[in-house]
Amino acid sequence: MSVSTPHSNAAATPGEQEKATRQGGRGAGIPAENRGSTTIADTVVAKIASMAAREVPEVYNLGAGVARAFGAMRERVPGGSSSITQGVKVEVGERQTAVDLDLVVHYGAAIADTAADVRTNVITAIERMTGLEVVEVNIAVDDVRLPDEEEPEQSGRRVA
């Protein structure tokens, strides 16, 4: 995944969270909507992408098998919850972003059509909500949800 921007945030230290920053001008001669700067964190873009992907009916879940297993374990721990951004990776520059998604689709779904629908929904949502240009949405379909597979236990009990 690569985002080409003239002023990329690639120089950020490992502990720093990547953010997109849009610089505006200052002074009375600049329209009000262009005064100041707007910063968009990676997590914001990842959450938008996750929600947009989940809106497609053929998508069962996001995340590869191991990530989903850890997410299920986190849900069982008191006070724990699964991450909405599980299965989503983003790279955000100053003006552009790129997204990688790991999907699980329902059995019977046309995977190519589902991927196209997800890609369209994610690009539309991110561009509308952030103003960033989405340069690519890479989709990996990691599993198919079969109709007879058991749902994970959702009760609050930890002991049978």
N, C-alpha and C. Protein backbone atom coordinates (compact mmCIF):
# COMPACT_ATOMS: atom_id res chain seq x y z
N MET A 1 0.86 -1.16 0.00
CA MET A 1 0.00 0.00 0.00
C MET A 1 0.90 1.21 0.00
N SER A 2 0.64 2.15 -0.90
CA SER A 2 1.47 3.35 -0.93
C SER A 2 0.63 4.56 -1.21
N VAL A 3 0.95 5.62 -0.52
CA VAL A 3 0.28 6.89 -0.72
C VAL A 3 1.34 7.89 -1.12
N SER A 4 1.19 8.44 -2.29
CA SER A 4 2.19 9.40 -2.76
C SER A 4 1.67 10.80 -2.53
N THR A 5 2.34 11.50 -1.64
CA THR A 5 2.00 12.90 -1.40
C THR A 5 3.29 13.69 -1.37
N PRO A 6 3.22 14.93 -1.75
CA PRO A 6 4.43 15.75 -1.75
C PRO A 6 5.01 15.92 -0.35
N HIS A 7 4.18 15.94 0.66
CA HIS A 7 4.63 16.15 2.03
C HIS A 7 4.12 15.02 2.89
N SER A 8 4.63 13.81 2.69
CA SER A 8 4.16 12.63 3.39
C SER A 8 4.53 12.69 4.86
N ASN A 9 3.77 12.01 5.70
CA ASN A 9 4.03 11.91 7.12
C ASN A 9 4.98 10.76 7.43
N ALA A 10 5.73 10.26 6.46
CA ALA A 10 6.57 9.09 6.64
C ALA A 10 7.67 9.30 7.66
N ALA A 11 8.03 10.53 7.98
CA ALA A 11 9.10 10.80 8.92
C ALA A 11 8.65 10.71 10.37
N ALA A 12 7.42 10.35 10.62
CA ALA A 12 6.91 10.26 11.99
C ALA A 12 7.63 9.16 12.74
N THR A 13 7.84 9.37 14.01
CA THR A 13 8.48 8.35 14.83
C THR A 13 7.54 7.19 15.04
N PRO A 14 8.07 5.97 15.36
CA PRO A 14 7.20 4.79 15.49
C PRO A 14 6.07 4.96 16.49
N GLY A 15 6.27 5.71 17.56
CA GLY A 15 5.23 5.88 18.57
C GLY A 15 4.18 6.90 18.19
N GLU A 16 4.46 7.73 17.19
CA GLU A 16 3.52 8.76 16.78
C GLU A 16 2.41 8.19 15.91
N GLN A 17 1.22 8.69 16.08
CA GLN A 17 0.11 8.27 15.24
C GLN A 17 0.11 9.12 13.98
N GLU A 18 -0.04 8.46 12.84
CA GLU A 18 -0.07 9.18 11.57
C GLU A 18 -1.35 10.00 11.48
N LYS A 19 -1.26 11.17 10.86
CA LYS A 19 -2.41 12.04 10.70
C LYS A 19 -2.30 12.79 9.38
N ALA A 20 -3.44 13.10 8.83
CA ALA A 20 -3.48 13.95 7.64
C ALA A 20 -3.76 15.36 8.10
N THR A 21 -3.00 16.31 7.61
CA THR A 21 -3.18 17.70 8.00
C THR A 21 -3.41 18.54 6.76
N ARG A 22 -4.43 19.33 6.80
CA ARG A 22 -4.71 20.25 5.70
C ARG A 22 -4.47 21.66 6.22
N GLN A 23 -3.54 22.34 5.59
CA GLN A 23 -3.18 23.68 6.00
C GLN A 23 -4.06 24.71 5.30
N GLY A 24 -4.48 25.66 6.04
CA GLY A 24 -5.22 26.78 5.48
C GLY A 24 -4.40 28.04 5.65
N GLY A 25 -4.96 29.15 5.26
CA GLY A 25 -4.26 30.42 5.40
C GLY A 25 -4.67 31.13 6.67
N ARG A 26 -4.11 32.31 6.84
CA ARG A 26 -4.44 33.13 8.00
C ARG A 26 -4.70 34.55 7.51
N GLY A 27 -5.56 35.23 8.22
CA GLY A 27 -5.78 36.64 7.91
C GLY A 27 -7.17 36.90 7.35
N ALA A 28 -7.50 38.17 7.32
CA ALA A 28 -8.84 38.59 6.93
C ALA A 28 -9.11 38.36 5.45
N GLY A 29 -8.08 38.31 4.61
CA GLY A 29 -8.28 38.12 3.18
C GLY A 29 -8.59 36.69 2.79
N ILE A 30 -8.49 35.75 3.72
CA ILE A 30 -8.74 34.33 3.45
C ILE A 30 -10.18 33.99 3.86
N PRO A 31 -10.92 33.28 3.00
CA PRO A 31 -12.29 32.88 3.39
C PRO A 31 -12.28 32.09 4.70
N ALA A 32 -13.33 32.21 5.48
CA ALA A 32 -13.40 31.60 6.80
C ALA A 32 -13.15 30.09 6.76
N GLU A 33 -13.68 29.39 5.75
CA GLU A 33 -13.53 27.93 5.69
C GLU A 33 -12.09 27.50 5.42
N ASN A 34 -11.22 28.42 5.00
CA ASN A 34 -9.82 28.09 4.70
C ASN A 34 -8.84 28.59 5.75
N ARG A 35 -9.33 29.11 6.87
CA ARG A 35 -8.45 29.61 7.92
C ARG A 35 -8.16 28.49 8.91
N GLY A 36 -6.90 28.23 9.16
CA GLY A 36 -6.51 27.21 10.12
C GLY A 36 -6.21 25.88 9.43
N SER A 37 -6.04 24.84 10.22
CA SER A 37 -5.71 23.53 9.67
C SER A 37 -6.64 22.47 10.26
N THR A 38 -6.80 21.39 9.52
CA THR A 38 -7.61 20.25 9.95
C THR A 38 -6.72 19.03 9.95
N THR A 39 -6.73 18.28 11.05
CA THR A 39 -5.93 17.07 11.17
C THR A 39 -6.84 15.87 11.29
N ILE A 40 -6.58 14.83 10.49
CA ILE A 40 -7.39 13.61 10.51
C ILE A 40 -6.48 12.44 10.86
N ALA A 41 -6.75 11.77 11.96
CA ALA A 41 -5.94 10.64 12.42
C ALA A 41 -6.22 9.39 11.60
N ASP A 42 -5.23 8.49 11.55
CA ASP A 42 -5.40 7.21 10.87
C ASP A 42 -6.61 6.44 11.39
N THR A 43 -6.81 6.47 12.71
CA THR A 43 -7.91 5.71 13.30
C THR A 43 -9.27 6.19 12.80
N VAL A 44 -9.37 7.48 12.50
CA VAL A 44 -10.63 8.02 11.97
C VAL A 44 -10.91 7.42 10.60
N VAL A 45 -9.90 7.42 9.74
CA VAL A 45 -10.05 6.86 8.40
C VAL A 45 -10.34 5.36 8.49
N ALA A 46 -9.66 4.65 9.39
CA ALA A 46 -9.88 3.21 9.56
C ALA A 46 -11.30 2.91 10.02
N LYS A 47 -11.83 3.70 10.93
CA LYS A 47 -13.20 3.49 11.41
C LYS A 47 -14.21 3.76 10.30
N ILE A 48 -13.99 4.80 9.52
CA ILE A 48 -14.89 5.09 8.40
C ILE A 48 -14.87 3.93 7.41
N ALA A 49 -13.68 3.43 7.08
CA ALA A 49 -13.55 2.32 6.14
C ALA A 49 -14.25 1.07 6.68
N SER A 50 -14.08 0.79 7.96
CA SER A 50 -14.70 -0.39 8.57
C SER A 50 -16.23 -0.31 8.51
N MET A 51 -16.77 0.82 8.90
CA MET A 51 -18.22 0.97 8.90
C MET A 51 -18.78 0.89 7.47
N ALA A 52 -18.09 1.51 6.52
CA ALA A 52 -18.55 1.49 5.13
C ALA A 52 -18.51 0.07 4.56
N ALA A 53 -17.48 -0.70 4.89
CA ALA A 53 -17.39 -2.09 4.42
C ALA A 53 -18.49 -2.93 5.01
N ARG A 54 -18.79 -2.74 6.29
CA ARG A 54 -19.82 -3.53 6.98
C ARG A 54 -21.24 -3.22 6.49
N GLU A 55 -21.42 -2.08 5.82
CA GLU A 55 -22.73 -1.73 5.27
C GLU A 55 -23.12 -2.59 4.08
N VAL A 56 -22.16 -3.24 3.45
CA VAL A 56 -22.44 -4.11 2.31
C VAL A 56 -23.01 -5.42 2.85
N PRO A 57 -24.22 -5.81 2.45
CA PRO A 57 -24.92 -6.96 3.06
C PRO A 57 -24.16 -8.30 2.95
N GLU A 58 -23.36 -8.47 1.92
CA GLU A 58 -22.66 -9.75 1.73
C GLU A 58 -21.45 -9.90 2.64
N VAL A 59 -21.04 -8.83 3.31
CA VAL A 59 -19.89 -8.88 4.23
C VAL A 59 -20.37 -9.40 5.57
N TYR A 60 -19.77 -10.51 6.01
CA TYR A 60 -20.11 -11.09 7.31
C TYR A 60 -19.30 -10.44 8.42
N ASN A 61 -17.99 -10.27 8.19
CA ASN A 61 -17.11 -9.74 9.22
C ASN A 61 -15.84 -9.22 8.57
N LEU A 62 -15.02 -8.54 9.35
CA LEU A 62 -13.72 -8.08 8.89
C LEU A 62 -12.65 -8.74 9.74
N GLY A 63 -11.49 -8.97 9.13
CA GLY A 63 -10.35 -9.54 9.85
C GLY A 63 -10.02 -10.93 9.37
N ALA A 64 -8.72 -11.24 9.38
CA ALA A 64 -8.26 -12.58 9.05
C ALA A 64 -8.57 -13.50 10.22
N GLY A 65 -8.41 -14.79 10.03
CA GLY A 65 -8.77 -15.78 11.05
C GLY A 65 -8.16 -15.53 12.41
N VAL A 66 -6.86 -15.25 12.47
CA VAL A 66 -6.19 -15.03 13.75
C VAL A 66 -6.73 -13.77 14.42
N ALA A 67 -6.90 -12.71 13.67
CA ALA A 67 -7.41 -11.45 14.24
C ALA A 67 -8.82 -11.63 14.78
N ARG A 68 -9.65 -12.40 14.06
CA ARG A 68 -11.01 -12.65 14.55
C ARG A 68 -11.00 -13.49 15.81
N ALA A 69 -10.07 -14.45 15.90
CA ALA A 69 -9.96 -15.29 17.10
C ALA A 69 -9.57 -14.44 18.30
N PHE A 70 -8.58 -13.56 18.13
CA PHE A 70 -8.18 -12.68 19.22
C PHE A 70 -9.32 -11.73 19.59
N GLY A 71 -10.06 -11.25 18.60
CA GLY A 71 -11.21 -10.38 18.87
C GLY A 71 -12.27 -11.09 19.68
N ALA A 72 -12.53 -12.37 19.36
CA ALA A 72 -13.51 -13.15 20.13
C ALA A 72 -13.04 -13.33 21.56
N MET A 73 -11.73 -13.54 21.76
CA MET A 73 -11.20 -13.69 23.12
C MET A 73 -11.32 -12.38 23.88
N ARG A 74 -11.04 -11.25 23.21
CA ARG A 74 -11.17 -9.95 23.87
C ARG A 74 -12.60 -9.70 24.33
N GLU A 75 -13.58 -10.14 23.54
CA GLU A 75 -14.98 -9.94 23.90
C GLU A 75 -15.35 -10.72 25.15
N ARG A 76 -14.71 -11.86 25.39
CA ARG A 76 -15.02 -12.70 26.55
C ARG A 76 -14.42 -12.17 27.84
N VAL A 77 -13.38 -11.33 27.75
CA VAL A 77 -12.76 -10.76 28.93
C VAL A 77 -13.66 -9.64 29.46
N PRO A 78 -13.95 -9.64 30.77
CA PRO A 78 -14.79 -8.57 31.32
C PRO A 78 -14.20 -7.21 31.00
N GLY A 79 -15.02 -6.34 30.44
CA GLY A 79 -14.59 -5.00 30.06
C GLY A 79 -13.92 -4.93 28.71
N GLY A 80 -13.69 -6.08 28.08
CA GLY A 80 -13.04 -6.12 26.78
C GLY A 80 -14.07 -5.98 25.67
N SER A 81 -13.61 -5.54 24.52
CA SER A 81 -14.50 -5.46 23.37
C SER A 81 -13.66 -5.65 22.12
N SER A 82 -14.31 -6.07 21.05
CA SER A 82 -13.57 -6.23 19.80
C SER A 82 -13.37 -4.86 19.17
N SER A 83 -12.33 -4.73 18.40
CA SER A 83 -12.01 -3.46 17.77
C SER A 83 -12.81 -3.30 16.48
N ILE A 84 -13.40 -2.15 16.29
CA ILE A 84 -14.16 -1.87 15.07
C ILE A 84 -13.23 -1.83 13.86
N THR A 85 -11.94 -1.58 14.09
CA THR A 85 -10.99 -1.48 12.99
C THR A 85 -10.26 -2.79 12.71
N GLN A 86 -10.70 -3.87 13.34
CA GLN A 86 -10.10 -5.18 13.07
C GLN A 86 -10.23 -5.49 11.58
N GLY A 87 -9.13 -5.91 10.96
CA GLY A 87 -9.15 -6.23 9.55
C GLY A 87 -9.00 -5.03 8.62
N VAL A 88 -8.66 -3.87 9.18
CA VAL A 88 -8.51 -2.65 8.40
C VAL A 88 -7.13 -2.06 8.66
N LYS A 89 -6.40 -1.77 7.60
CA LYS A 89 -5.14 -1.03 7.70
C LYS A 89 -5.23 0.15 6.75
N VAL A 90 -4.78 1.30 7.22
CA VAL A 90 -4.80 2.49 6.37
C VAL A 90 -3.43 3.16 6.40
N GLU A 91 -3.14 3.86 5.35
CA GLU A 91 -1.97 4.71 5.27
C GLU A 91 -2.49 6.07 4.85
N VAL A 92 -2.22 7.08 5.66
CA VAL A 92 -2.77 8.40 5.41
C VAL A 92 -1.64 9.40 5.17
N GLY A 93 -1.73 10.10 4.06
CA GLY A 93 -0.82 11.20 3.76
C GLY A 93 -1.54 12.52 3.99
N GLU A 94 -0.98 13.59 3.47
CA GLU A 94 -1.61 14.90 3.66
C GLU A 94 -2.87 15.07 2.83
N ARG A 95 -2.89 14.48 1.64
CA ARG A 95 -4.04 14.66 0.73
C ARG A 95 -4.65 13.36 0.26
N GLN A 96 -3.95 12.25 0.50
CA GLN A 96 -4.40 10.96 -0.02
C GLN A 96 -4.36 9.90 1.06
N THR A 97 -5.09 8.81 0.82
CA THR A 97 -5.07 7.67 1.72
C THR A 97 -5.21 6.39 0.92
N ALA A 98 -4.73 5.30 1.49
CA ALA A 98 -4.87 3.97 0.90
C ALA A 98 -5.38 3.05 2.00
N VAL A 99 -6.18 2.05 1.61
CA VAL A 99 -6.85 1.18 2.57
C VAL A 99 -6.62 -0.28 2.18
N ASP A 100 -6.34 -1.13 3.18
CA ASP A 100 -6.30 -2.59 3.01
C ASP A 100 -7.37 -3.17 3.91
N LEU A 101 -8.20 -4.07 3.35
CA LEU A 101 -9.29 -4.70 4.11
C LEU A 101 -9.17 -6.22 4.02
N ASP A 102 -9.39 -6.90 5.15
CA ASP A 102 -9.52 -8.35 5.19
C ASP A 102 -10.98 -8.65 5.46
N LEU A 103 -11.64 -9.37 4.53
CA LEU A 103 -13.08 -9.61 4.63
C LEU A 103 -13.41 -11.09 4.80
N VAL A 104 -14.54 -11.32 5.46
CA VAL A 104 -15.21 -12.62 5.46
C VAL A 104 -16.57 -12.36 4.83
N VAL A 105 -16.90 -13.11 3.78
CA VAL A 105 -18.17 -12.92 3.10
C VAL A 105 -19.11 -14.08 3.36
N HIS A 106 -20.39 -13.83 3.19
CA HIS A 106 -21.39 -14.88 3.32
C HIS A 106 -21.28 -15.85 2.15
N TYR A 107 -21.49 -17.13 2.42
CA TYR A 107 -21.49 -18.13 1.37
C TYR A 107 -22.58 -17.78 0.34
N GLY A 108 -22.26 -17.91 -0.92
CA GLY A 108 -23.20 -17.62 -1.99
C GLY A 108 -23.02 -16.23 -2.58
N ALA A 109 -22.28 -15.37 -1.89
CA ALA A 109 -22.06 -14.02 -2.40
C ALA A 109 -21.12 -14.08 -3.60
N ALA A 110 -21.38 -13.26 -4.59
CA ALA A 110 -20.46 -13.13 -5.72
C ALA A 110 -19.29 -12.28 -5.23
N ILE A 111 -18.14 -12.92 -5.01
CA ILE A 111 -17.03 -12.25 -4.35
C ILE A 111 -16.53 -11.04 -5.14
N ALA A 112 -16.41 -11.15 -6.45
CA ALA A 112 -15.94 -10.01 -7.25
C ALA A 112 -16.91 -8.83 -7.14
N ASP A 113 -18.22 -9.12 -7.19
CA ASP A 113 -19.22 -8.05 -7.06
C ASP A 113 -19.21 -7.46 -5.65
N THR A 114 -19.05 -8.32 -4.64
CA THR A 114 -19.00 -7.85 -3.26
C THR A 114 -17.79 -6.94 -3.06
N ALA A 115 -16.64 -7.35 -3.59
CA ALA A 115 -15.43 -6.54 -3.47
C ALA A 115 -15.63 -5.18 -4.15
N ALA A 116 -16.25 -5.17 -5.31
CA ALA A 116 -16.52 -3.91 -6.01
C ALA A 116 -17.45 -3.02 -5.20
N ASP A 117 -18.49 -3.62 -4.60
CA ASP A 117 -19.43 -2.85 -3.78
C ASP A 117 -18.74 -2.27 -2.54
N VAL A 118 -17.90 -3.08 -1.90
CA VAL A 118 -17.16 -2.63 -0.72
C VAL A 118 -16.23 -1.49 -1.11
N ARG A 119 -15.49 -1.68 -2.19
CA ARG A 119 -14.54 -0.66 -2.66
C ARG A 119 -15.27 0.67 -2.92
N THR A 120 -16.38 0.61 -3.62
CA THR A 120 -17.15 1.82 -3.93
C THR A 120 -17.65 2.49 -2.65
N ASN A 121 -18.20 1.69 -1.73
CA ASN A 121 -18.75 2.24 -0.49
C ASN A 121 -17.65 2.88 0.36
N VAL A 122 -16.50 2.22 0.47
CA VAL A 122 -15.39 2.74 1.28
C VAL A 122 -14.85 4.03 0.68
N ILE A 123 -14.61 4.04 -0.62
CA ILE A 123 -14.08 5.25 -1.27
C ILE A 123 -15.05 6.41 -1.12
N THR A 124 -16.32 6.17 -1.37
CA THR A 124 -17.32 7.23 -1.26
C THR A 124 -17.37 7.80 0.15
N ALA A 125 -17.40 6.92 1.16
CA ALA A 125 -17.50 7.38 2.55
C ALA A 125 -16.27 8.17 2.98
N ILE A 126 -15.09 7.65 2.69
CA ILE A 126 -13.87 8.34 3.12
C ILE A 126 -13.73 9.68 2.42
N GLU A 127 -13.93 9.71 1.11
CA GLU A 127 -13.77 10.97 0.38
C GLU A 127 -14.81 12.00 0.81
N ARG A 128 -16.04 11.56 1.06
CA ARG A 128 -17.10 12.49 1.47
C ARG A 128 -16.83 13.03 2.88
N MET A 129 -16.41 12.15 3.78
CA MET A 129 -16.27 12.55 5.18
C MET A 129 -14.95 13.25 5.50
N THR A 130 -13.89 12.94 4.77
CA THR A 130 -12.58 13.51 5.11
C THR A 130 -12.03 14.48 4.07
N GLY A 131 -12.50 14.38 2.82
CA GLY A 131 -11.94 15.19 1.76
C GLY A 131 -10.63 14.64 1.21
N LEU A 132 -10.15 13.51 1.77
CA LEU A 132 -8.94 12.87 1.27
C LEU A 132 -9.25 12.10 -0.01
N GLU A 133 -8.29 12.03 -0.92
CA GLU A 133 -8.44 11.22 -2.12
C GLU A 133 -8.02 9.79 -1.77
N VAL A 134 -8.87 8.82 -2.05
CA VAL A 134 -8.54 7.41 -1.81
C VAL A 134 -7.87 6.90 -3.08
N VAL A 135 -6.59 6.55 -2.96
CA VAL A 135 -5.84 6.11 -4.14
C VAL A 135 -6.02 4.62 -4.42
N GLU A 136 -6.29 3.83 -3.37
CA GLU A 136 -6.54 2.40 -3.58
C GLU A 136 -7.24 1.79 -2.37
N VAL A 137 -8.05 0.77 -2.65
CA VAL A 137 -8.66 -0.05 -1.61
C VAL A 137 -8.36 -1.49 -2.00
N ASN A 138 -7.42 -2.11 -1.28
CA ASN A 138 -7.04 -3.49 -1.54
C ASN A 138 -7.87 -4.40 -0.64
N ILE A 139 -8.46 -5.42 -1.24
CA ILE A 139 -9.36 -6.31 -0.50
C ILE A 139 -8.84 -7.74 -0.56
N ALA A 140 -8.73 -8.36 0.60
CA ALA A 140 -8.37 -9.78 0.69
C ALA A 140 -9.56 -10.50 1.32
N VAL A 141 -10.15 -11.44 0.60
CA VAL A 141 -11.25 -12.24 1.15
C VAL A 141 -10.60 -13.46 1.80
N ASP A 142 -10.63 -13.50 3.13
CA ASP A 142 -9.92 -14.51 3.89
C ASP A 142 -10.76 -15.72 4.26
N ASP A 143 -12.08 -15.59 4.19
CA ASP A 143 -12.93 -16.70 4.60
C ASP A 143 -14.33 -16.51 4.05
N VAL A 144 -15.09 -17.60 4.08
CA VAL A 144 -16.50 -17.59 3.68
C VAL A 144 -17.31 -18.10 4.85
N ARG A 145 -18.33 -17.38 5.24
CA ARG A 145 -19.21 -17.76 6.36
C ARG A 145 -20.25 -18.71 5.81
N LEU A 146 -20.19 -19.98 6.25
CA LEU A 146 -21.14 -21.00 5.81
C LEU A 146 -22.43 -20.88 6.59
N PRO A 147 -23.56 -21.24 5.97
CA PRO A 147 -24.85 -21.08 6.66
C PRO A 147 -24.98 -21.92 7.93
N ASP A 148 -24.31 -23.07 8.00
CA ASP A 148 -24.48 -23.94 9.17
C ASP A 148 -23.40 -23.75 10.23
N GLU A 149 -22.53 -22.76 10.07
CA GLU A 149 -21.52 -22.49 11.10
C GLU A 149 -22.18 -21.89 12.32
N GLU A 150 -21.68 -22.30 13.49
CA GLU A 150 -22.24 -21.80 14.74
C GLU A 150 -21.81 -20.36 14.96
N GLU A 151 -22.72 -19.59 15.56
CA GLU A 151 -22.40 -18.23 15.96
C GLU A 151 -21.59 -18.30 17.25
N PRO A 152 -20.65 -17.38 17.46
CA PRO A 152 -19.92 -17.35 18.73
C PRO A 152 -20.90 -17.10 19.86
N GLU A 153 -20.62 -17.68 21.01
CA GLU A 153 -21.50 -17.53 22.18
C GLU A 153 -21.53 -16.07 22.59
N GLN A 154 -22.72 -15.52 22.76
CA GLN A 154 -22.86 -14.10 23.09
C GLN A 154 -23.34 -13.87 24.50
N SER A 155 -23.54 -14.93 25.29
CA SER A 155 -24.04 -14.74 26.64
C SER A 155 -22.96 -14.12 27.51
N GLY A 156 -23.36 -13.53 28.60
CA GLY A 156 -22.43 -12.91 29.52
C GLY A 156 -21.73 -13.91 30.42
N ARG A 157 -22.14 -15.19 30.38
CA ARG A 157 -21.55 -16.21 31.25
C ARG A 157 -20.22 -16.66 30.69
N ARG A 158 -19.25 -16.86 31.60
CA ARG A 158 -17.95 -17.37 31.19
C ARG A 158 -17.80 -18.84 31.54
N VAL A 159 -18.68 -19.35 32.40
CA VAL A 159 -18.59 -20.74 32.86
C VAL A 159 -19.91 -21.42 32.55
N ALA A 160 -19.82 -22.65 32.03
CA ALA A 160 -21.04 -23.40 31.69
C ALA A 160 -21.62 -24.07 32.90
